[in-house]
């Protein structure tokens, strides 16, 4: 149904983002001689302003960077729990679980700005990056100061979350200044503009060490957050070795724990053993194989994945042929396996850039739930994440709250070097949906030969809960053939039909760089995104 959609094509570089202004910011940097990392910093800053319900500079990020002829590198820019974030503190406040909203939900350091800084330093050293920080942040500053048009996605999200968030410190003044913003109205963030200008002027370290850090620490304390200036000062982005899956179509890379990158690779490793080229990429056997592989991967996640300093397995041990053979053999083509519960919502942006030298960046930036903790700091205008609400107040849990501990992350940017010489960057926002949509997009491109736009446009599914829904059904977009949904029900799946292009499926994107130096990209019609190439 969608295999004939045309991708965007280019010959000198390409960017994709779920908001068109962000991909345009990246392309502008490429055209001025910037590299893929510099372009991604510009896109990350722009999208933090233009898609504020999905991400912010008060959140975390992860980078996968592949330079031709070198092993890919990963950058973990996620913050740890505050030194004062103890189980006892929350228990003494009469809490059985960490709240999703408010100051006590803002209990981990925001890491994304440290990632921008570390990636930029590497790009200057390794790639000869020369564009000044003021140039990389210029679009974002102007969009924050002068305003961006409100997307339907933002308007609908504010309307849906108004009751829950209106009373949270700083939220209403920032996002409800004139009521729920109408789609297409102008949305300004003057305090955020001033904050970005300060970072451009004095350097990104100011977020953790300087005047901005002092300001944010004062405001965090005032709203009841356990975070302090010492927590901000102690934070560092960390370079990591990505996980690698040996796949029949090439090598697939993703981030190690505390992300669920392992989950995405386990799904693809099983599917490599289950898919055959004769399958219909919209048919029940394909969807069933993906869903069953997902259940097994989620089982591993829920048993094992946490801060890597506290894990009892090496994730690389699960990416061996033996483990994957055994897991794939457990999947029954004629029946759905039972499964437990998903982890719930997440709001995130995935973006990709590949520059003219073939440097490829897969990047993800998030505040976890829609608008994170809901807290907007009064002086800086920074909306703080609630990633730490994924911790448990049960000391025996897989992810117990502890000072300095890193929370489990659903975030996982993906990148593949295919055996035919192509490089693929791809990803998706959406919590439990991230690894599932990655499996759909990767399989449709690598196994079924679809172009990136067709692979992303094609109907998707999601097992589990997301975006305020508590049902653990198998959700299918209405564009699947009736025979597919009927057959999945007969296999024992609890099928729920969603709208034809449902934002529940998340916002995917992909860029392919071919061995001849030409580019193909796809963006998600479920988002406000675009591919920008030249």
Protein backbone atom coordinates (compact mmCIF):
# COMPACT_ATOMS: atom_id res chain seq x y z
CA UNK A 1 0.00 0.00 0.00
CA UNK A 2 2.84 2.42 0.68
CA UNK A 3 5.88 0.90 -1.01
CA UNK A 4 5.67 3.45 -3.83
CA UNK A 5 6.07 6.58 -1.68
CA UNK A 6 9.14 8.53 -2.71
CA UNK A 7 11.90 9.32 -0.23
CA UNK A 8 13.70 12.66 -0.15
CA UNK A 9 16.97 12.31 -2.01
CA UNK A 10 20.20 14.28 -1.76
CA UNK A 11 23.82 14.25 -2.78
CA UNK A 12 25.75 16.31 -0.20
CA UNK A 13 24.16 15.73 3.19
CA UNK A 14 20.84 15.14 4.93
CA UNK A 15 18.99 15.68 8.20
CA UNK A 16 15.69 14.37 9.51
CA UNK A 17 13.71 15.49 12.55
CA UNK A 18 10.10 15.27 13.81
CA UNK A 19 9.83 19.06 13.51
CA UNK A 20 10.69 20.64 10.15
CA UNK A 21 12.36 23.69 11.71
CA UNK A 22 14.91 21.39 13.40
CA UNK A 23 15.89 19.56 10.21
CA UNK A 24 16.17 22.97 8.47
CA UNK A 25 18.47 24.22 11.26
CA UNK A 26 20.69 21.18 10.75
CA UNK A 27 20.79 21.62 6.97
CA UNK A 28 21.70 25.29 7.28
CA UNK A 29 24.73 24.34 9.39
CA UNK A 30 25.78 21.68 6.86
CA UNK A 31 25.54 24.23 4.04
CA UNK A 32 27.80 26.61 5.98
CA UNK A 33 30.50 23.95 6.23
CA UNK A 34 29.49 22.49 9.57
CA UNK A 35 29.80 18.77 10.26
CA UNK A 36 27.07 16.32 11.28
CA UNK A 37 27.70 16.84 15.01
CA UNK A 38 27.48 20.63 14.74
CA UNK A 39 24.34 20.25 12.64
CA UNK A 40 22.80 18.00 15.28
CA UNK A 41 23.51 20.48 18.09
CA UNK A 42 21.68 23.15 16.07
CA UNK A 43 18.76 20.76 15.48
CA UNK A 44 18.68 19.74 19.16
CA UNK A 45 18.52 23.35 20.32
CA UNK A 46 15.83 24.25 17.78
CA UNK A 47 13.60 21.29 18.57
CA UNK A 48 13.86 21.94 22.32
CA UNK A 49 12.18 25.28 21.54
CA UNK A 50 9.83 24.23 18.72
CA UNK A 51 8.50 20.94 20.17
CA UNK A 52 8.42 21.76 23.88
CA UNK A 53 5.98 19.02 24.93
CA UNK A 54 8.40 16.39 23.59
CA UNK A 55 11.81 17.55 24.85
CA UNK A 56 13.69 20.40 26.49
CA UNK A 57 17.14 21.50 27.60
CA UNK A 58 15.97 20.27 31.01
CA UNK A 59 16.14 16.67 29.74
CA UNK A 60 18.61 13.96 28.75
CA UNK A 61 20.09 12.76 25.46
CA UNK A 62 22.09 9.99 23.84
CA UNK A 63 24.28 10.10 20.74
CA UNK A 64 25.55 7.44 18.34
CA UNK A 65 28.23 8.80 16.01
CA UNK A 66 29.79 6.80 13.17
CA UNK A 67 32.75 8.14 11.23
CA UNK A 68 33.78 6.18 8.11
CA UNK A 69 36.63 3.78 8.82
CA UNK A 70 36.21 3.94 12.60
CA UNK A 71 34.17 2.04 15.16
CA UNK A 72 31.02 3.99 16.10
CA UNK A 73 31.07 5.85 19.41
CA UNK A 74 28.27 6.45 21.89
CA UNK A 75 27.72 9.43 24.17
CA UNK A 76 25.57 9.10 27.27
CA UNK A 77 24.27 12.49 28.39
CA UNK A 78 21.84 11.39 31.08
CA UNK A 79 21.80 12.66 34.62
CA UNK A 80 21.94 10.72 37.87
CA UNK A 81 19.64 10.97 40.85
CA UNK A 82 20.27 13.81 43.27
CA UNK A 83 22.53 13.22 46.26
CA UNK A 84 19.52 13.89 48.49
CA UNK A 85 17.16 11.61 46.49
CA UNK A 86 16.82 8.76 48.95
CA UNK A 87 14.01 6.26 49.40
CA UNK A 88 13.73 7.46 53.01
CA UNK A 89 13.11 11.06 51.95
CA UNK A 90 10.19 10.03 49.75
CA UNK A 91 8.81 7.60 52.34
CA UNK A 92 8.95 10.31 55.00
CA UNK A 93 6.87 12.48 52.68
CA UNK A 94 4.20 9.77 52.84
CA UNK A 95 4.81 8.56 49.29
CA UNK A 96 4.55 4.93 48.12
CA UNK A 97 5.85 5.79 44.64
CA UNK A 98 7.76 8.67 43.11
CA UNK A 99 5.28 11.23 41.76
CA UNK A 100 5.18 11.81 38.01
CA UNK A 101 4.85 15.60 38.35
CA UNK A 102 6.14 18.44 40.49
CA UNK A 103 9.38 19.15 42.32
CA UNK A 104 9.83 15.67 43.76
CA UNK A 105 9.58 14.27 40.23
CA UNK A 106 12.47 16.55 39.17
CA UNK A 107 15.05 14.39 40.93
CA UNK A 108 17.71 13.71 38.28
CA UNK A 109 20.20 16.07 36.64
CA UNK A 110 19.37 17.20 33.10
CA UNK A 111 22.17 15.86 30.94
CA UNK A 112 21.44 16.94 27.38
CA UNK A 113 23.42 20.20 27.41
CA UNK A 114 26.50 18.30 28.64
CA UNK A 115 26.10 16.02 25.63
CA UNK A 116 25.99 18.95 23.23
CA UNK A 117 29.19 20.19 24.87
CA UNK A 118 31.07 16.87 24.78
CA UNK A 119 29.99 16.12 21.21
CA UNK A 120 31.05 19.59 20.08
CA UNK A 121 34.46 19.23 21.71
CA UNK A 122 34.95 15.89 19.92
CA UNK A 123 33.84 17.37 16.61
CA UNK A 124 36.35 20.20 16.95
CA UNK A 125 39.16 17.78 17.75
CA UNK A 126 38.30 14.90 15.38
CA UNK A 127 36.37 16.58 12.57
CA UNK A 128 37.84 20.07 12.57
CA UNK A 129 34.52 21.63 13.57
CA UNK A 130 34.84 25.41 13.54
CA UNK A 131 31.37 26.94 13.77
CA UNK A 132 30.93 29.09 16.89
CA UNK A 133 28.41 28.08 19.52
CA UNK A 134 26.55 31.34 18.89
CA UNK A 135 25.89 30.14 15.33
CA UNK A 136 24.74 26.68 16.44
CA UNK A 137 22.22 28.14 18.89
CA UNK A 138 21.15 31.11 16.75
CA UNK A 139 18.00 29.55 15.28
CA UNK A 140 16.82 28.29 18.67
CA UNK A 141 17.38 31.69 20.29
CA UNK A 142 15.39 33.45 17.58
CA UNK A 143 12.55 30.91 17.74
CA UNK A 144 12.35 31.24 21.53
CA UNK A 145 12.44 35.04 21.43
CA UNK A 146 10.22 35.71 18.39
CA UNK A 147 8.01 32.65 18.66
CA UNK A 148 7.21 29.50 16.72
CA UNK A 149 3.85 28.42 15.30
CA UNK A 150 2.15 26.03 17.70
CA UNK A 151 1.80 22.54 16.23
CA UNK A 152 -1.42 20.57 16.47
CA UNK A 153 0.61 18.05 18.49
CA UNK A 154 1.54 20.67 21.13
CA UNK A 155 -1.97 22.14 21.28
CA UNK A 156 -3.57 18.71 21.74
CA UNK A 157 -0.99 17.70 24.34
CA UNK A 158 -1.52 20.85 26.42
CA UNK A 159 -5.29 20.34 26.24
CA UNK A 160 -4.99 16.71 27.32
CA UNK A 161 -2.59 17.47 30.19
CA UNK A 162 -4.03 20.82 31.33
CA UNK A 163 -5.85 19.45 34.37
CA UNK A 164 -2.85 17.41 35.47
CA UNK A 165 -0.23 20.14 34.99
CA UNK A 166 -1.92 23.52 35.51
CA UNK A 167 -1.05 23.54 39.21
CA UNK A 168 2.62 22.54 38.79
CA UNK A 169 5.16 25.30 39.47
CA UNK A 170 5.75 27.44 36.38
CA UNK A 171 3.73 25.34 33.94
CA UNK A 172 0.67 27.55 33.48
CA UNK A 173 2.69 30.76 33.07
CA UNK A 174 4.77 29.11 30.36
CA UNK A 175 2.41 26.86 28.43
CA UNK A 176 -1.04 28.21 29.32
CA UNK A 177 -0.33 31.94 29.28
CA UNK A 178 -3.40 32.56 27.11
CA UNK A 179 -5.16 29.27 27.75
CA UNK A 180 -4.58 26.20 25.61
CA UNK A 181 -2.58 27.52 22.65
CA UNK A 182 -4.40 27.27 19.34
CA UNK A 183 -2.75 25.37 16.51
CA UNK A 184 -0.93 27.92 14.37
CA UNK A 185 -0.77 30.60 17.07
CA UNK A 186 2.60 32.15 18.02
CA UNK A 187 4.34 30.66 21.05
CA UNK A 188 7.15 32.69 22.61
CA UNK A 189 9.57 31.64 25.37
CA UNK A 190 11.50 34.81 26.28
CA UNK A 191 13.15 33.39 29.42
CA UNK A 192 14.40 30.37 27.48
CA UNK A 193 15.71 32.70 24.76
CA UNK A 194 17.74 34.58 27.38
CA UNK A 195 19.04 31.28 28.81
CA UNK A 196 20.15 30.06 25.38
CA UNK A 197 21.78 33.43 24.70
CA UNK A 198 23.70 33.12 27.94
CA UNK A 199 24.87 29.62 27.02
CA UNK A 200 25.95 30.88 23.58
CA UNK A 201 27.85 33.75 25.17
CA UNK A 202 29.64 32.06 28.07
CA UNK A 203 29.62 28.38 27.06
CA UNK A 204 27.54 25.29 27.67
CA UNK A 205 29.36 24.52 30.95
CA UNK A 206 27.40 27.39 32.49
CA UNK A 207 24.45 24.99 32.76
CA UNK A 208 26.38 22.93 35.32
CA UNK A 209 29.07 25.18 36.76
CA UNK A 210 28.22 28.85 36.29
CA UNK A 211 25.61 31.52 36.87
CA UNK A 212 22.89 29.49 35.17
CA UNK A 213 23.64 26.51 37.42
CA UNK A 214 23.30 28.73 40.51
CA UNK A 215 20.01 30.15 39.23
CA UNK A 216 18.54 26.73 38.40
CA UNK A 217 19.66 25.24 41.73
CA UNK A 218 17.90 28.05 43.64
CA UNK A 219 14.72 27.58 41.61
CA UNK A 220 14.81 23.77 41.91
CA UNK A 221 15.10 24.04 45.71
CA UNK A 222 12.19 26.47 45.79
CA UNK A 223 9.86 23.96 44.05
CA UNK A 224 10.85 21.10 46.35
CA UNK A 225 13.30 19.28 44.09
CA UNK A 226 16.09 17.38 45.87
CA UNK A 227 18.61 18.55 43.22
CA UNK A 228 21.37 20.90 44.37
CA UNK A 229 24.22 22.88 42.83
CA UNK A 230 26.58 20.06 43.88
CA UNK A 231 24.55 17.60 41.78
CA UNK A 232 24.82 19.86 38.73
CA UNK A 233 28.55 20.38 39.29
CA UNK A 234 29.21 16.66 39.59
CA UNK A 235 27.51 15.75 36.30
CA UNK A 236 29.52 14.65 33.24
CA UNK A 237 28.54 13.27 29.86
CA UNK A 238 30.24 9.90 29.33
CA UNK A 239 31.60 8.36 26.12
CA UNK A 240 30.47 4.75 25.75
CA UNK A 241 31.18 1.79 23.49
CA UNK A 242 27.93 1.03 21.66
CA UNK A 243 26.43 -2.44 21.71
CA UNK A 244 26.83 -4.22 18.37
CA UNK A 245 24.65 -6.96 16.87
CA UNK A 246 26.12 -9.14 14.14
CA UNK A 247 23.21 -9.40 11.69
CA UNK A 248 22.84 -11.14 8.34
CA UNK A 249 22.40 -7.71 6.71
CA UNK A 250 25.33 -6.04 8.47
CA UNK A 251 26.12 -4.72 11.94
CA UNK A 252 23.49 -2.89 13.99
CA UNK A 253 24.53 -0.54 16.80
CA UNK A 254 22.69 0.87 19.79
CA UNK A 255 23.44 2.32 23.22
CA UNK A 256 24.28 0.12 26.24
CA UNK A 257 22.38 0.27 29.56
CA UNK A 258 20.90 2.21 31.27
CA UNK A 259 19.12 2.57 27.91
CA UNK A 260 16.95 -0.13 26.36
CA UNK A 261 19.23 -0.27 23.31
CA UNK A 262 19.79 -3.94 24.14
CA UNK A 263 16.03 -4.49 23.72
CA UNK A 264 16.07 -3.09 20.19
CA UNK A 265 19.02 -5.28 19.23
CA UNK A 266 17.51 -8.43 20.81
CA UNK A 267 14.35 -7.93 18.76
CA UNK A 268 16.33 -7.54 15.54
CA UNK A 269 18.55 -10.51 16.36
CA UNK A 270 15.52 -12.76 16.82
CA UNK A 271 13.82 -11.40 13.70
CA UNK A 272 16.95 -12.14 11.69
CA UNK A 273 16.20 -15.80 12.45
CA UNK A 274 12.43 -15.57 11.90
CA UNK A 275 11.84 -13.41 8.83
CA UNK A 276 11.96 -14.62 5.27
CA UNK A 277 11.89 -12.51 2.14
CA UNK A 278 8.54 -13.95 1.06
CA UNK A 279 6.73 -12.41 4.03
CA UNK A 280 4.32 -9.53 3.53
CA UNK A 281 5.61 -6.48 5.50
CA UNK A 282 1.94 -5.72 6.32
CA UNK A 283 0.99 -9.33 7.03
CA UNK A 284 0.16 -11.12 10.26
CA UNK A 285 3.21 -13.47 10.23
CA UNK A 286 5.59 -10.47 10.14
CA UNK A 287 3.76 -8.50 12.84
CA UNK A 288 3.39 -11.64 15.00
CA UNK A 289 7.13 -12.38 14.77
CA UNK A 290 7.97 -8.79 15.74
CA UNK A 291 5.55 -8.78 18.67
CA UNK A 292 6.70 -12.14 20.02
CA UNK A 293 10.37 -11.11 19.75
CA UNK A 294 9.45 -7.91 21.59
CA UNK A 295 7.88 -9.84 24.48
CA UNK A 296 11.07 -11.81 25.02
CA UNK A 297 13.23 -8.72 24.79
CA UNK A 298 11.00 -6.87 27.27
CA UNK A 299 11.34 -9.83 29.63
CA UNK A 300 15.11 -9.41 29.57
CA UNK A 301 14.74 -5.66 30.05
CA UNK A 302 12.48 -5.93 33.05
CA UNK A 303 14.69 -8.56 34.71
CA UNK A 304 18.09 -7.05 34.03
CA UNK A 305 18.44 -3.53 32.64
CA UNK A 306 19.34 -0.80 35.09
CA UNK A 307 22.30 1.45 35.87
CA UNK A 308 25.18 -0.62 34.44
CA UNK A 309 27.07 -0.29 37.72
CA UNK A 310 24.30 -2.36 39.31
CA UNK A 311 23.71 -5.00 36.60
CA UNK A 312 24.31 -8.71 37.11
CA UNK A 313 24.80 -9.60 33.43
CA UNK A 314 26.94 -8.29 30.58
CA UNK A 315 24.47 -7.24 27.89
CA UNK A 316 26.91 -8.40 25.21
CA UNK A 317 26.41 -11.98 26.41
CA UNK A 318 22.81 -11.82 25.17
CA UNK A 319 23.80 -10.74 21.66
CA UNK A 320 25.56 -14.04 20.92
CA UNK A 321 24.23 -16.39 18.22
CA UNK A 322 23.51 -19.07 20.86
CA UNK A 323 21.30 -16.82 22.97
CA UNK A 324 19.47 -15.43 19.95
CA UNK A 325 18.98 -18.91 18.41
CA UNK A 326 17.44 -20.15 21.66
CA UNK A 327 15.19 -17.11 22.03
CA UNK A 328 13.96 -17.29 18.44
CA UNK A 329 13.25 -21.01 18.82
CA UNK A 330 10.86 -20.27 21.72
CA UNK A 331 8.60 -18.22 19.45
CA UNK A 332 5.61 -20.16 18.19
CA UNK A 333 4.35 -19.13 14.74
CA UNK A 334 0.87 -20.39 15.67
CA UNK A 335 0.29 -18.79 19.09
CA UNK A 336 0.97 -15.62 21.05
CA UNK A 337 3.01 -15.95 24.23
CA UNK A 338 1.62 -14.36 27.40
CA UNK A 339 3.37 -11.24 28.58
CA UNK A 340 3.48 -8.81 31.51
CA UNK A 341 3.12 -5.07 31.66
CA UNK A 342 4.80 -2.28 29.74
CA UNK A 343 6.53 0.68 31.32
CA UNK A 344 4.21 3.39 30.09
CA UNK A 345 4.59 6.76 28.39
CA UNK A 346 7.61 8.66 27.21
CA UNK A 347 8.09 11.80 25.21
CA UNK A 348 11.13 12.09 23.13
CA UNK A 349 12.52 13.25 19.81
CA UNK A 350 14.80 11.18 17.56
CA UNK A 351 16.83 12.96 14.87
CA UNK A 352 19.45 11.90 12.33
CA UNK A 353 22.13 13.71 10.33
CA UNK A 354 24.68 12.38 7.82
CA UNK A 355 27.12 14.93 6.43
CA UNK A 356 29.08 15.11 3.19
CA UNK A 357 32.03 13.22 4.71
CA UNK A 358 29.77 10.35 5.69
CA UNK A 359 29.81 11.16 9.41
CA UNK A 360 26.49 9.80 10.69
CA UNK A 361 24.72 10.86 13.89
CA UNK A 362 21.73 9.15 15.50
CA UNK A 363 20.46 11.27 18.39
CA UNK A 364 17.64 11.19 20.90
CA UNK A 365 16.57 13.88 23.39
CA UNK A 366 13.84 13.54 25.99
CA UNK A 367 12.09 14.82 29.09
CA UNK A 368 10.32 11.43 29.64
CA UNK A 369 6.59 12.13 30.13
CA UNK A 370 4.86 14.92 28.22
CA UNK A 371 6.37 18.15 29.63
CA UNK A 372 8.51 16.07 32.02
CA UNK A 373 7.91 16.98 35.66
CA UNK A 374 5.83 19.94 34.48
CA UNK A 375 8.11 22.22 36.50
CA UNK A 376 9.33 25.30 34.62
CA UNK A 377 12.04 27.18 36.52
CA UNK A 378 11.01 30.82 36.92
CA UNK A 379 14.32 32.56 36.18
CA UNK A 380 15.65 30.39 33.32
CA UNK A 381 12.41 29.11 31.76
CA UNK A 382 13.82 25.56 31.77
CA UNK A 383 11.22 22.77 31.84
CA UNK A 384 12.74 19.95 33.95
CA UNK A 385 12.44 16.25 33.13
CA UNK A 386 10.85 13.55 35.30
CA UNK A 387 13.06 10.67 34.15
CA UNK A 388 13.65 9.77 37.81
CA UNK A 389 10.03 8.72 38.28
CA UNK A 390 11.12 5.44 36.65
CA UNK A 391 12.95 4.63 39.90
CA UNK A 392 11.25 2.46 42.51
CA UNK A 393 10.90 3.19 46.23
CA UNK A 394 11.26 -0.57 46.88
CA UNK A 395 14.93 -1.22 47.78
CA UNK A 396 14.62 -4.76 46.34
CA UNK A 397 13.41 -3.55 42.93
CA UNK A 398 15.44 -3.68 39.71
CA UNK A 399 15.73 0.14 39.64
CA UNK A 400 15.61 1.40 43.23
CA UNK A 401 16.07 5.10 43.89
CA UNK A 402 19.55 5.86 45.25
CA UNK A 403 21.73 8.98 45.27
CA UNK A 404 23.94 9.15 42.19
CA UNK A 405 22.21 6.24 40.47
CA UNK A 406 21.25 6.52 36.81
CA UNK A 407 17.62 5.78 35.94
CA UNK A 408 16.51 3.23 33.38
CA UNK A 409 16.08 4.91 29.98
CA UNK A 410 13.70 3.95 27.22
CA UNK A 411 15.83 6.12 24.90
CA UNK A 412 17.88 4.33 22.27
CA UNK A 413 19.23 5.85 19.05
CA UNK A 414 20.03 3.26 16.36
CA UNK A 415 22.57 3.04 13.56
CA UNK A 416 23.49 0.25 11.13
CA UNK A 417 26.35 -0.41 8.77
CA UNK A 418 24.85 -2.71 6.19
CA UNK A 419 26.87 -5.38 4.41
CA UNK A 420 26.07 -3.83 1.02
CA UNK A 421 27.94 -0.66 1.98
CA UNK A 422 24.97 1.47 3.05
CA UNK A 423 24.90 3.37 6.33
CA UNK A 424 21.52 3.71 8.06
CA UNK A 425 20.59 6.01 10.91
CA UNK A 426 17.10 5.50 12.28
CA UNK A 427 15.05 5.88 15.43
CA UNK A 428 11.73 6.64 16.97
CA UNK A 429 10.25 8.33 20.01
CA UNK A 430 7.66 6.72 22.24
CA UNK A 431 8.70 4.68 25.29
CA UNK A 432 7.83 1.01 24.84
CA UNK A 433 7.11 1.79 21.20
CA UNK A 434 10.69 2.81 20.43
CA UNK A 435 12.22 -0.65 19.93
CA UNK A 436 9.04 -1.89 18.23
CA UNK A 437 8.94 0.86 15.63
CA UNK A 438 12.68 0.46 15.15
CA UNK A 439 12.11 -3.20 14.33
CA UNK A 440 9.41 -2.26 11.82
CA UNK A 441 11.46 0.42 10.08
CA UNK A 442 14.73 -1.53 10.04
CA UNK A 443 13.08 -4.73 8.80
CA UNK A 444 11.13 -2.96 6.08
CA UNK A 445 14.30 -1.28 4.82
CA UNK A 446 16.89 -4.05 5.34
CA UNK A 447 14.78 -7.22 4.83
CA UNK A 448 12.01 -6.07 2.50
CA UNK A 449 13.84 -3.46 0.44
CA UNK A 450 11.45 -0.58 1.11
CA UNK A 451 12.76 2.98 0.84
CA UNK A 452 12.97 4.96 4.10
CA UNK A 453 9.83 7.04 3.47
CA UNK A 454 7.70 4.05 2.54
CA UNK A 455 9.02 2.06 5.52
CA UNK A 456 8.08 4.85 7.94
CA UNK A 457 4.73 5.67 6.36
CA UNK A 458 3.56 2.04 6.39
CA UNK A 459 1.15 1.14 9.22
CA UNK A 460 2.76 0.24 12.54
CA UNK A 461 1.77 -1.56 15.71
CA UNK A 462 2.53 -1.16 19.39
CA UNK A 463 2.36 -3.76 22.13
CA UNK A 464 1.67 -2.22 25.51
CA UNK A 465 0.73 1.04 27.07
CA UNK A 466 1.59 4.56 26.06
CA UNK A 467 0.47 8.17 26.33
CA UNK A 468 -1.88 7.91 29.28
CA UNK A 469 -3.37 4.59 28.19
CA UNK A 470 -3.22 1.76 30.67
CA UNK A 471 -4.21 -1.05 28.31
CA UNK A 472 -1.58 -3.61 27.36
CA UNK A 473 -3.29 -4.49 24.10
CA UNK A 474 -1.63 -4.96 20.73
CA UNK A 475 -2.52 -1.66 19.06
CA UNK A 476 -2.69 -1.63 15.24
CA UNK A 477 -3.21 1.35 12.97
CA UNK A 478 -6.44 1.07 10.98
CA UNK A 479 -4.55 0.91 7.67
CA UNK A 480 -3.53 -2.71 8.22
CA UNK A 481 -5.56 -5.10 6.06
CA UNK A 482 -8.51 -6.63 7.94
CA UNK A 483 -7.02 -10.05 7.24
CA UNK A 484 -3.93 -9.09 9.25
CA UNK A 485 -5.83 -7.97 12.35
CA UNK A 486 -8.17 -10.97 12.12
CA UNK A 487 -5.28 -13.41 11.86
CA UNK A 488 -3.49 -11.77 14.81
CA UNK A 489 -6.62 -12.15 16.94
CA UNK A 490 -6.78 -15.83 15.99
CA UNK A 491 -3.18 -16.22 17.15
CA UNK A 492 -4.28 -14.97 20.58
CA UNK A 493 -3.34 -11.28 20.43
CA UNK A 494 -5.64 -8.78 22.15
CA UNK A 495 -5.94 -6.46 19.15
CA UNK A 496 -7.08 -2.84 19.42
CA UNK A 497 -7.49 -0.73 16.27
CA UNK A 498 -6.27 2.87 16.36
CA UNK A 499 -6.59 5.74 13.87
CA UNK A 500 -4.94 5.37 10.44
CA UNK A 501 -1.93 7.60 11.26
CA UNK A 502 -1.87 7.59 15.06
CA UNK A 503 0.69 9.61 16.99
CA UNK A 504 0.65 6.81 19.58
CA UNK A 505 2.99 5.00 17.19
CA UNK A 506 5.62 7.66 17.77
CA UNK A 507 7.65 9.69 15.33
CA UNK A 508 10.14 7.68 13.29
CA UNK A 509 12.85 8.87 10.94
CA UNK A 510 15.62 7.36 8.83
CA UNK A 511 18.46 8.33 6.51
CA UNK A 512 20.33 5.93 4.21
CA UNK A 513 23.73 6.85 2.79
CA UNK A 514 24.49 4.69 -0.25
CA UNK A 515 28.00 3.57 -1.24
CA UNK A 516 27.81 5.94 -4.23
CA UNK A 517 27.59 8.90 -1.85
CA UNK A 518 23.88 9.61 -2.43
CA UNK A 519 21.29 9.95 0.34
CA UNK A 520 17.69 8.84 0.88
CA UNK A 521 15.58 9.97 3.82
CA UNK A 522 12.14 9.48 5.32
CA UNK A 523 10.22 11.39 7.98
CA UNK A 524 7.06 10.47 9.82
CA UNK A 525 3.67 11.77 8.61
CA UNK A 526 2.51 11.23 12.22
CA UNK A 527 4.84 14.09 13.26
CA UNK A 528 5.53 17.68 12.16
CA UNK A 529 8.80 16.55 10.69
CA UNK A 530 10.70 16.69 7.46
CA UNK A 531 13.80 15.49 5.72
CA UNK A 532 16.13 18.31 4.68
CA UNK A 533 18.74 17.38 2.09
CA UNK A 534 20.94 19.10 -0.45
